[in-house]
């Protein structure tokens, strides 16, 4: 019985992964606009054909001796996005960036959300103009239930591909449990 159960789990993970159908039309993400999510694009694949997301993938960290703050960003390709996910009005597939975060102050871990189970609801949901700036929705997991999070801009420093500022959008700045206005370095 135990062997059957283990085999069933292996089968599920090996053969039942959601994949973009070979018949799905690819729409390059760099050509997307406000009209991209119309009914004619239902079932299509919004793909990062230029690999602009790749520059953000990895670990970005700030350290000053007593503070360590890091975010870890990963690229998920061909993720199925059912209608209504992130207010998308159609069913489609997309390449997405998601991430987690870690914060330690004076040797005490204040928050650690690097591991998560749902890529459609990660601690960091990343979008926007990903050439020089990534607009991030920071999910405030450790604070009051009525405070869900806010918007952060991760912006490359001029001429750099390995350093970026982490700054909460002033319109959404609150008393968050992670630092604000930092320069992160890609490790």
C-alpha atoms as a PDB file:
ATOM      1  CA  UNK A   1       0.000   0.000   0.000  1.00  0.00           C
ATOM      2  CA  UNK A   2       2.800   2.396   0.932  1.00  0.00           C
ATOM      3  CA  UNK A   3       4.608   1.730  -2.390  1.00  0.00           C
ATOM      4  CA  UNK A   4       1.387   2.386  -4.320  1.00  0.00           C
ATOM      5  CA  UNK A   5       0.923   5.718  -2.522  1.00  0.00           C
ATOM      6  CA  UNK A   6       4.509   6.804  -3.249  1.00  0.00           C
ATOM      7  CA  UNK A   7       4.172   5.791  -6.900  1.00  0.00           C
ATOM      8  CA  UNK A   8       0.926   7.794  -7.161  1.00  0.00           C
ATOM      9  CA  UNK A   9       2.672  10.887  -5.784  1.00  0.00           C
ATOM     10  CA  UNK A  10       5.595  10.487  -8.196  1.00  0.00           C
ATOM     11  CA  UNK A  11       3.182  10.038 -11.106  1.00  0.00           C
ATOM     12  CA  UNK A  12       1.287  13.179 -10.103  1.00  0.00           C
ATOM     13  CA  UNK A  13       4.422  15.316  -9.931  1.00  0.00           C
ATOM     14  CA  UNK A  14       5.987  13.848 -13.060  1.00  0.00           C
ATOM     15  CA  UNK A  15       3.082  13.641 -15.478  1.00  0.00           C
ATOM     16  CA  UNK A  16       0.380  16.019 -14.252  1.00  0.00           C
ATOM     17  CA  UNK A  17       2.252  19.318 -14.310  1.00  0.00           C
ATOM     18  CA  UNK A  18       0.331  22.084 -16.045  1.00  0.00           C
ATOM     19  CA  UNK A  19       1.979  22.885 -19.349  1.00  0.00           C
ATOM     20  CA  UNK A  20       1.293  25.364 -22.078  1.00  0.00           C
ATOM     21  CA  UNK A  21      -0.554  23.520 -24.867  1.00  0.00           C
ATOM     22  CA  UNK A  22       1.496  23.292 -28.064  1.00  0.00           C
ATOM     23  CA  UNK A  23      -1.438  24.892 -29.894  1.00  0.00           C
ATOM     24  CA  UNK A  24      -1.346  28.040 -27.719  1.00  0.00           C
ATOM     25  CA  UNK A  25      -0.427  31.158 -29.684  1.00  0.00           C
ATOM     26  CA  UNK A  26       2.560  33.004 -28.221  1.00  0.00           C
ATOM     27  CA  UNK A  27       2.247  36.733 -27.617  1.00  0.00           C
ATOM     28  CA  UNK A  28       5.569  38.423 -26.766  1.00  0.00           C
ATOM     29  CA  UNK A  29       5.275  40.207 -23.427  1.00  0.00           C
ATOM     30  CA  UNK A  30       7.146  43.224 -24.778  1.00  0.00           C
ATOM     31  CA  UNK A  31       4.237  43.839 -27.173  1.00  0.00           C
ATOM     32  CA  UNK A  32       1.557  43.776 -24.472  1.00  0.00           C
ATOM     33  CA  UNK A  33      -0.618  46.814 -23.843  1.00  0.00           C
ATOM     34  CA  UNK A  34      -3.880  47.649 -22.039  1.00  0.00           C
ATOM     35  CA  UNK A  35      -5.864  45.810 -24.731  1.00  0.00           C
ATOM     36  CA  UNK A  36      -3.891  42.550 -24.541  1.00  0.00           C
ATOM     37  CA  UNK A  37      -6.250  40.816 -22.143  1.00  0.00           C
ATOM     38  CA  UNK A  38      -9.264  40.827 -24.464  1.00  0.00           C
ATOM     39  CA  UNK A  39     -11.405  37.829 -25.341  1.00  0.00           C
ATOM     40  CA  UNK A  40      -9.512  37.207 -28.606  1.00  0.00           C
ATOM     41  CA  UNK A  41      -6.426  36.342 -26.528  1.00  0.00           C
ATOM     42  CA  UNK A  42      -8.216  33.788 -24.345  1.00  0.00           C
ATOM     43  CA  UNK A  43      -5.981  30.699 -23.955  1.00  0.00           C
ATOM     44  CA  UNK A  44      -2.883  32.373 -25.405  1.00  0.00           C
ATOM     45  CA  UNK A  45       0.622  32.396 -23.903  1.00  0.00           C
ATOM     46  CA  UNK A  46       2.121  35.763 -22.895  1.00  0.00           C
ATOM     47  CA  UNK A  47       5.812  34.834 -23.073  1.00  0.00           C
ATOM     48  CA  UNK A  48       8.978  36.652 -22.068  1.00  0.00           C
ATOM     49  CA  UNK A  49      10.475  36.074 -25.532  1.00  0.00           C
ATOM     50  CA  UNK A  50      13.260  38.648 -24.990  1.00  0.00           C
ATOM     51  CA  UNK A  51      14.206  37.164 -21.586  1.00  0.00           C
ATOM     52  CA  UNK A  52      14.008  40.598 -19.947  1.00  0.00           C
ATOM     53  CA  UNK A  53      12.812  38.920 -16.746  1.00  0.00           C
ATOM     54  CA  UNK A  54      16.105  37.035 -16.427  1.00  0.00           C
ATOM     55  CA  UNK A  55      18.033  40.100 -15.226  1.00  0.00           C
ATOM     56  CA  UNK A  56      15.902  40.153 -12.074  1.00  0.00           C
ATOM     57  CA  UNK A  57      16.186  36.436 -11.266  1.00  0.00           C
ATOM     58  CA  UNK A  58      18.408  35.650  -8.292  1.00  0.00           C
ATOM     59  CA  UNK A  59      19.187  36.903  -4.809  1.00  0.00           C
ATOM     60  CA  UNK A  60      19.337  40.633  -4.111  1.00  0.00           C
ATOM     61  CA  UNK A  61      20.730  41.638  -0.712  1.00  0.00           C
ATOM     62  CA  UNK A  62      21.433  44.599   1.552  1.00  0.00           C
ATOM     63  CA  UNK A  63      23.850  44.209   4.467  1.00  0.00           C
ATOM     64  CA  UNK A  64      25.283  46.853   6.793  1.00  0.00           C
ATOM     65  CA  UNK A  65      26.704  44.813   9.680  1.00  0.00           C
ATOM     66  CA  UNK A  66      23.584  44.604  11.866  1.00  0.00           C
ATOM     67  CA  UNK A  67      20.946  44.394   9.139  1.00  0.00           C
ATOM     68  CA  UNK A  68      20.507  41.747   6.468  1.00  0.00           C
ATOM     69  CA  UNK A  69      17.618  42.137   4.049  1.00  0.00           C
ATOM     70  CA  UNK A  70      17.308  40.002   0.954  1.00  0.00           C
ATOM     71  CA  UNK A  71      14.797  39.142  -1.697  1.00  0.00           C
ATOM     72  CA  UNK A  72      14.957  36.068  -3.899  1.00  0.00           C
ATOM     73  CA  UNK A  73      13.276  36.327  -7.300  1.00  0.00           C
ATOM     74  CA  UNK A  74      12.468  33.456  -9.618  1.00  0.00           C
ATOM     75  CA  UNK A  75      10.941  33.216 -13.071  1.00  0.00           C
ATOM     76  CA  UNK A  76       8.013  30.858 -13.628  1.00  0.00           C
ATOM     77  CA  UNK A  77       7.401  30.063 -17.294  1.00  0.00           C
ATOM     78  CA  UNK A  78       4.058  29.185 -18.820  1.00  0.00           C
ATOM     79  CA  UNK A  79       2.030  29.545 -15.612  1.00  0.00           C
ATOM     80  CA  UNK A  80      -1.691  28.990 -16.192  1.00  0.00           C
ATOM     81  CA  UNK A  81      -3.638  32.050 -15.070  1.00  0.00           C
ATOM     82  CA  UNK A  82      -7.343  31.276 -14.696  1.00  0.00           C
ATOM     83  CA  UNK A  83      -9.798  34.079 -15.405  1.00  0.00           C
ATOM     84  CA  UNK A  84      -9.965  36.412 -12.396  1.00  0.00           C
ATOM     85  CA  UNK A  85      -6.384  35.786 -11.214  1.00  0.00           C
ATOM     86  CA  UNK A  86      -4.855  39.211 -10.568  1.00  0.00           C
ATOM     87  CA  UNK A  87      -7.972  40.678 -12.205  1.00  0.00           C
ATOM     88  CA  UNK A  88      -7.110  39.164 -15.585  1.00  0.00           C
ATOM     89  CA  UNK A  89     -10.409  38.845 -17.495  1.00  0.00           C
ATOM     90  CA  UNK A  90      -9.361  35.810 -19.594  1.00  0.00           C
ATOM     91  CA  UNK A  91      -7.787  32.379 -19.154  1.00  0.00           C
ATOM     92  CA  UNK A  92      -4.191  32.476 -20.351  1.00  0.00           C
ATOM     93  CA  UNK A  93      -0.628  31.351 -19.730  1.00  0.00           C
ATOM     94  CA  UNK A  94       2.104  33.750 -18.678  1.00  0.00           C
ATOM     95  CA  UNK A  95       5.724  33.959 -17.725  1.00  0.00           C
ATOM     96  CA  UNK A  96       5.804  35.591 -14.292  1.00  0.00           C
ATOM     97  CA  UNK A  97       8.294  36.770 -11.693  1.00  0.00           C
ATOM     98  CA  UNK A  98       7.685  35.934  -8.049  1.00  0.00           C
ATOM     99  CA  UNK A  99       9.795  36.097  -4.940  1.00  0.00           C
ATOM    100  CA  UNK A 100      10.254  35.877  -1.237  1.00  0.00           C
ATOM    101  CA  UNK A 101      12.032  37.942   1.386  1.00  0.00           C
ATOM    102  CA  UNK A 102      14.156  37.618   4.529  1.00  0.00           C
ATOM    103  CA  UNK A 103      15.008  40.242   7.156  1.00  0.00           C
ATOM    104  CA  UNK A 104      17.387  39.964  10.115  1.00  0.00           C
ATOM    105  CA  UNK A 105      18.277  42.796  12.520  1.00  0.00           C
ATOM    106  CA  UNK A 106      20.850  42.573  15.340  1.00  0.00           C
ATOM    107  CA  UNK A 107      21.105  38.806  14.889  1.00  0.00           C
ATOM    108  CA  UNK A 108      17.341  38.315  15.239  1.00  0.00           C
ATOM    109  CA  UNK A 109      15.332  37.061  12.261  1.00  0.00           C
ATOM    110  CA  UNK A 110      12.411  39.474  12.011  1.00  0.00           C
ATOM    111  CA  UNK A 111      10.696  37.881   9.041  1.00  0.00           C
ATOM    112  CA  UNK A 112      11.463  34.950   6.768  1.00  0.00           C
ATOM    113  CA  UNK A 113       9.259  34.257   3.772  1.00  0.00           C
ATOM    114  CA  UNK A 114      11.565  32.689   1.205  1.00  0.00           C
ATOM    115  CA  UNK A 115       9.571  29.463   0.890  1.00  0.00           C
ATOM    116  CA  UNK A 116       5.935  29.548  -0.219  1.00  0.00           C
ATOM    117  CA  UNK A 117       3.546  27.093  -1.766  1.00  0.00           C
ATOM    118  CA  UNK A 118       1.398  29.169  -4.114  1.00  0.00           C
ATOM    119  CA  UNK A 119       3.125  31.070  -6.932  1.00  0.00           C
ATOM    120  CA  UNK A 120      -0.134  32.909  -7.611  1.00  0.00           C
ATOM    121  CA  UNK A 121       0.015  34.399  -4.101  1.00  0.00           C
ATOM    122  CA  UNK A 122       3.727  34.810  -3.286  1.00  0.00           C
ATOM    123  CA  UNK A 123       5.252  37.156  -0.695  1.00  0.00           C
ATOM    124  CA  UNK A 124       6.531  39.274  -3.623  1.00  0.00           C
ATOM    125  CA  UNK A 125       4.498  39.561  -6.829  1.00  0.00           C
ATOM    126  CA  UNK A 126       6.573  41.271  -9.517  1.00  0.00           C
ATOM    127  CA  UNK A 127       5.504  43.090 -12.662  1.00  0.00           C
ATOM    128  CA  UNK A 128       5.727  46.390 -14.449  1.00  0.00           C
ATOM    129  CA  UNK A 129       8.410  47.745 -16.763  1.00  0.00           C
ATOM    130  CA  UNK A 130      10.997  45.086 -16.091  1.00  0.00           C
ATOM    131  CA  UNK A 131      13.777  46.666 -18.168  1.00  0.00           C
ATOM    132  CA  UNK A 132      14.883  49.117 -15.479  1.00  0.00           C
ATOM    133  CA  UNK A 133      12.170  48.883 -12.845  1.00  0.00           C
ATOM    134  CA  UNK A 134      10.203  46.064 -11.323  1.00  0.00           C
ATOM    135  CA  UNK A 135       6.959  47.032  -9.626  1.00  0.00           C
ATOM    136  CA  UNK A 136       6.492  44.701  -6.703  1.00  0.00           C
ATOM    137  CA  UNK A 137       3.468  44.001  -4.575  1.00  0.00           C
ATOM    138  CA  UNK A 138       4.891  43.245  -1.134  1.00  0.00           C
ATOM    139  CA  UNK A 139       2.614  40.937   0.851  1.00  0.00           C
ATOM    140  CA  UNK A 140       2.841  41.948   4.511  1.00  0.00           C
ATOM    141  CA  UNK A 141       2.513  38.557   6.142  1.00  0.00           C
ATOM    142  CA  UNK A 142       3.721  39.315   9.689  1.00  0.00           C
ATOM    143  CA  UNK A 143       1.623  42.345  10.602  1.00  0.00           C
ATOM    144  CA  UNK A 144      -1.943  43.252  11.357  1.00  0.00           C
ATOM    145  CA  UNK A 145      -4.545  41.259   9.408  1.00  0.00           C
ATOM    146  CA  UNK A 146      -6.005  44.458   7.931  1.00  0.00           C
ATOM    147  CA  UNK A 147      -2.638  45.462   6.458  1.00  0.00           C
ATOM    148  CA  UNK A 148      -2.037  43.256   3.441  1.00  0.00           C
ATOM    149  CA  UNK A 149       0.949  44.976   1.895  1.00  0.00           C
ATOM    150  CA  UNK A 150       2.020  47.670  -0.448  1.00  0.00           C
ATOM    151  CA  UNK A 151       3.818  48.578  -3.616  1.00  0.00           C
ATOM    152  CA  UNK A 152       7.606  48.666  -3.848  1.00  0.00           C
ATOM    153  CA  UNK A 153       9.775  49.861  -6.703  1.00  0.00           C
ATOM    154  CA  UNK A 154      12.944  47.898  -7.384  1.00  0.00           C
ATOM    155  CA  UNK A 155      14.855  50.162  -9.757  1.00  0.00           C
ATOM    156  CA  UNK A 156      18.260  49.504 -11.291  1.00  0.00           C
ATOM    157  CA  UNK A 157      20.848  52.165 -10.534  1.00  0.00           C
ATOM    158  CA  UNK A 158      21.889  54.070 -13.676  1.00  0.00           C
ATOM    159  CA  UNK A 159      24.384  51.986 -15.662  1.00  0.00           C
ATOM    160  CA  UNK A 160      24.108  48.974 -13.346  1.00  0.00           C
ATOM    161  CA  UNK A 161      22.650  45.506 -13.742  1.00  0.00           C
ATOM    162  CA  UNK A 162      23.631  44.344 -10.250  1.00  0.00           C
ATOM    163  CA  UNK A 163      22.452  47.150  -7.956  1.00  0.00           C
ATOM    164  CA  UNK A 164      18.922  48.431  -7.458  1.00  0.00           C
ATOM    165  CA  UNK A 165      17.037  50.619  -5.028  1.00  0.00           C
ATOM    166  CA  UNK A 166      14.240  49.070  -2.934  1.00  0.00           C
ATOM    167  CA  UNK A 167      11.756  51.817  -2.046  1.00  0.00           C
ATOM    168  CA  UNK A 168       8.096  51.686  -1.054  1.00  0.00           C
ATOM    169  CA  UNK A 169       5.787  53.743  -3.232  1.00  0.00           C
ATOM    170  CA  UNK A 170       5.168  56.961  -1.232  1.00  0.00           C
ATOM    171  CA  UNK A 171       1.411  56.666  -1.757  1.00  0.00           C
ATOM    172  CA  UNK A 172       1.441  53.278  -0.005  1.00  0.00           C
ATOM    173  CA  UNK A 173       4.200  53.797   2.564  1.00  0.00           C
ATOM    174  CA  UNK A 174       3.198  52.420   5.965  1.00  0.00           C
ATOM    175  CA  UNK A 175       4.910  50.958   8.994  1.00  0.00           C
ATOM    176  CA  UNK A 176       6.058  47.725   7.343  1.00  0.00           C
ATOM    177  CA  UNK A 177       8.114  45.014   9.008  1.00  0.00           C
ATOM    178  CA  UNK A 178      10.934  45.250   6.434  1.00  0.00           C
ATOM    179  CA  UNK A 179      13.277  48.168   5.702  1.00  0.00           C
ATOM    180  CA  UNK A 180      12.684  50.855   3.092  1.00  0.00           C
ATOM    181  CA  UNK A 181      14.986  52.943   0.864  1.00  0.00           C
ATOM    182  CA  UNK A 182      17.851  50.485   0.479  1.00  0.00           C
ATOM    183  CA  UNK A 183      20.325  49.654  -2.246  1.00  0.00           C
ATOM    184  CA  UNK A 184      20.282  45.915  -2.927  1.00  0.00           C
ATOM    185  CA  UNK A 185      23.140  44.121  -4.655  1.00  0.00           C
ATOM    186  CA  UNK A 186      22.612  41.071  -6.804  1.00  0.00           C
ATOM    187  CA  UNK A 187      24.674  38.175  -5.487  1.00  0.00           C
END
